[in-house]
Amino acid sequence: MSRPKVYNLRLSDEEWMKLMTYAESKQITPAEVLRDYIKRLPSPKM
């Protein structure tokens, strides 16, 4: 799947560790954690 959009995000040390720890516990990448969360967001109303 092509992903042409890029978003840079600044995290605190605590946020970074939470993300990394969770990703490692699920054996997925941090990007996959964030993509999975975004998929669960409600669709925008048009």
N, C-alpha and C. Protein backbone atom coordinates (compact mmCIF):
# COMPACT_ATOMS: atom_id res chain seq x y z
N MET A 1 0.85 -1.18 0.00
CA MET A 1 0.00 0.00 0.00
C MET A 1 0.89 1.24 0.00
N SER A 2 0.60 2.14 -0.89
CA SER A 2 1.35 3.39 -0.97
C SER A 2 0.89 4.36 0.12
N ARG A 3 1.84 5.02 0.74
CA ARG A 3 1.52 6.00 1.79
C ARG A 3 2.24 7.31 1.46
N PRO A 4 1.64 8.15 0.65
CA PRO A 4 2.33 9.36 0.21
C PRO A 4 2.38 10.48 1.24
N LYS A 5 1.56 10.41 2.26
CA LYS A 5 1.51 11.48 3.26
C LYS A 5 2.46 11.19 4.42
N VAL A 6 3.18 12.23 4.86
CA VAL A 6 4.11 12.11 5.98
C VAL A 6 3.73 13.15 7.02
N TYR A 7 3.73 12.75 8.30
CA TYR A 7 3.42 13.65 9.39
C TYR A 7 4.51 13.50 10.45
N ASN A 8 5.17 14.59 10.79
CA ASN A 8 6.19 14.57 11.84
C ASN A 8 5.54 14.93 13.17
N LEU A 9 5.94 14.24 14.20
CA LEU A 9 5.31 14.40 15.51
C LEU A 9 6.37 14.49 16.59
N ARG A 10 6.26 15.47 17.45
CA ARG A 10 7.19 15.60 18.57
C ARG A 10 6.56 14.97 19.81
N LEU A 11 7.34 14.12 20.48
CA LEU A 11 6.86 13.42 21.67
C LEU A 11 7.79 13.71 22.84
N SER A 12 7.21 13.71 24.03
CA SER A 12 8.03 13.80 25.23
C SER A 12 8.73 12.46 25.42
N ASP A 13 9.70 12.43 26.30
CA ASP A 13 10.39 11.16 26.60
C ASP A 13 9.40 10.11 27.10
N GLU A 14 8.48 10.54 27.94
CA GLU A 14 7.49 9.61 28.49
C GLU A 14 6.57 9.07 27.39
N GLU A 15 6.10 9.94 26.50
CA GLU A 15 5.25 9.51 25.40
C GLU A 15 6.00 8.54 24.48
N TRP A 16 7.26 8.85 24.21
CA TRP A 16 8.10 7.99 23.36
C TRP A 16 8.23 6.60 23.98
N MET A 17 8.52 6.56 25.26
CA MET A 17 8.69 5.26 25.94
C MET A 17 7.39 4.47 25.94
N LYS A 18 6.26 5.13 26.16
CA LYS A 18 4.97 4.44 26.12
C LYS A 18 4.73 3.83 24.75
N LEU A 19 4.99 4.61 23.72
CA LEU A 19 4.78 4.13 22.35
C LEU A 19 5.70 2.96 22.04
N MET A 20 6.97 3.10 22.36
CA MET A 20 7.94 2.04 22.05
C MET A 20 7.65 0.77 22.85
N THR A 21 7.33 0.92 24.13
CA THR A 21 7.04 -0.23 24.98
C THR A 21 5.81 -0.98 24.48
N TYR A 22 4.77 -0.22 24.13
CA TYR A 22 3.55 -0.85 23.63
C TYR A 22 3.82 -1.58 22.31
N ALA A 23 4.51 -0.91 21.40
CA ALA A 23 4.82 -1.51 20.10
C ALA A 23 5.63 -2.80 20.27
N GLU A 24 6.63 -2.75 21.13
CA GLU A 24 7.44 -3.95 21.37
C GLU A 24 6.62 -5.07 21.98
N SER A 25 5.71 -4.73 22.89
CA SER A 25 4.89 -5.77 23.54
C SER A 25 3.96 -6.46 22.54
N LYS A 26 3.56 -5.73 21.49
CA LYS A 26 2.68 -6.29 20.46
C LYS A 26 3.46 -6.79 19.25
N GLN A 27 4.77 -6.59 19.27
CA GLN A 27 5.66 -6.99 18.17
C GLN A 27 5.24 -6.35 16.85
N ILE A 28 4.96 -5.05 16.92
CA ILE A 28 4.65 -4.25 15.74
C ILE A 28 5.46 -2.97 15.81
N THR A 29 5.51 -2.24 14.71
CA THR A 29 6.27 -1.00 14.68
C THR A 29 5.47 0.12 15.34
N PRO A 30 6.15 1.16 15.82
CA PRO A 30 5.43 2.31 16.36
C PRO A 30 4.47 2.92 15.33
N ALA A 31 4.87 2.93 14.07
CA ALA A 31 3.99 3.47 13.03
C ALA A 31 2.69 2.66 12.94
N GLU A 32 2.79 1.34 13.10
CA GLU A 32 1.60 0.50 13.06
C GLU A 32 0.68 0.80 14.24
N VAL A 33 1.25 1.08 15.40
CA VAL A 33 0.45 1.44 16.57
C VAL A 33 -0.38 2.68 16.24
N LEU A 34 0.28 3.69 15.69
CA LEU A 34 -0.41 4.94 15.38
C LEU A 34 -1.43 4.75 14.26
N ARG A 35 -1.09 4.00 13.23
CA ARG A 35 -2.05 3.75 12.15
C ARG A 35 -3.27 3.00 12.66
N ASP A 36 -3.06 2.00 13.53
CA ASP A 36 -4.19 1.24 14.09
C ASP A 36 -5.10 2.16 14.91
N TYR A 37 -4.49 3.08 15.66
CA TYR A 37 -5.30 4.02 16.44
C TYR A 37 -6.12 4.92 15.51
N ILE A 38 -5.49 5.44 14.47
CA ILE A 38 -6.18 6.33 13.53
C ILE A 38 -7.33 5.60 12.85
N LYS A 39 -7.16 4.33 12.54
CA LYS A 39 -8.23 3.56 11.90
C LYS A 39 -9.47 3.47 12.78
N ARG A 40 -9.28 3.54 14.10
CA ARG A 40 -10.42 3.43 15.03
C ARG A 40 -11.15 4.76 15.25
N LEU A 41 -10.59 5.85 14.75
CA LEU A 41 -11.24 7.15 14.90
C LEU A 41 -12.51 7.19 14.05
N PRO A 42 -13.52 7.94 14.47
CA PRO A 42 -14.74 8.02 13.66
C PRO A 42 -14.44 8.71 12.32
N SER A 43 -15.18 8.28 11.31
CA SER A 43 -15.03 8.90 9.99
C SER A 43 -15.55 10.33 10.04
N PRO A 44 -14.90 11.24 9.31
CA PRO A 44 -15.38 12.62 9.29
C PRO A 44 -16.72 12.71 8.56
N LYS A 45 -17.59 13.57 9.07
CA LYS A 45 -18.90 13.79 8.43
C LYS A 45 -18.73 14.78 7.30
N MET A 46 -19.25 14.43 6.15
CA MET A 46 -19.11 15.32 4.99
C MET A 46 -20.42 15.92 4.60
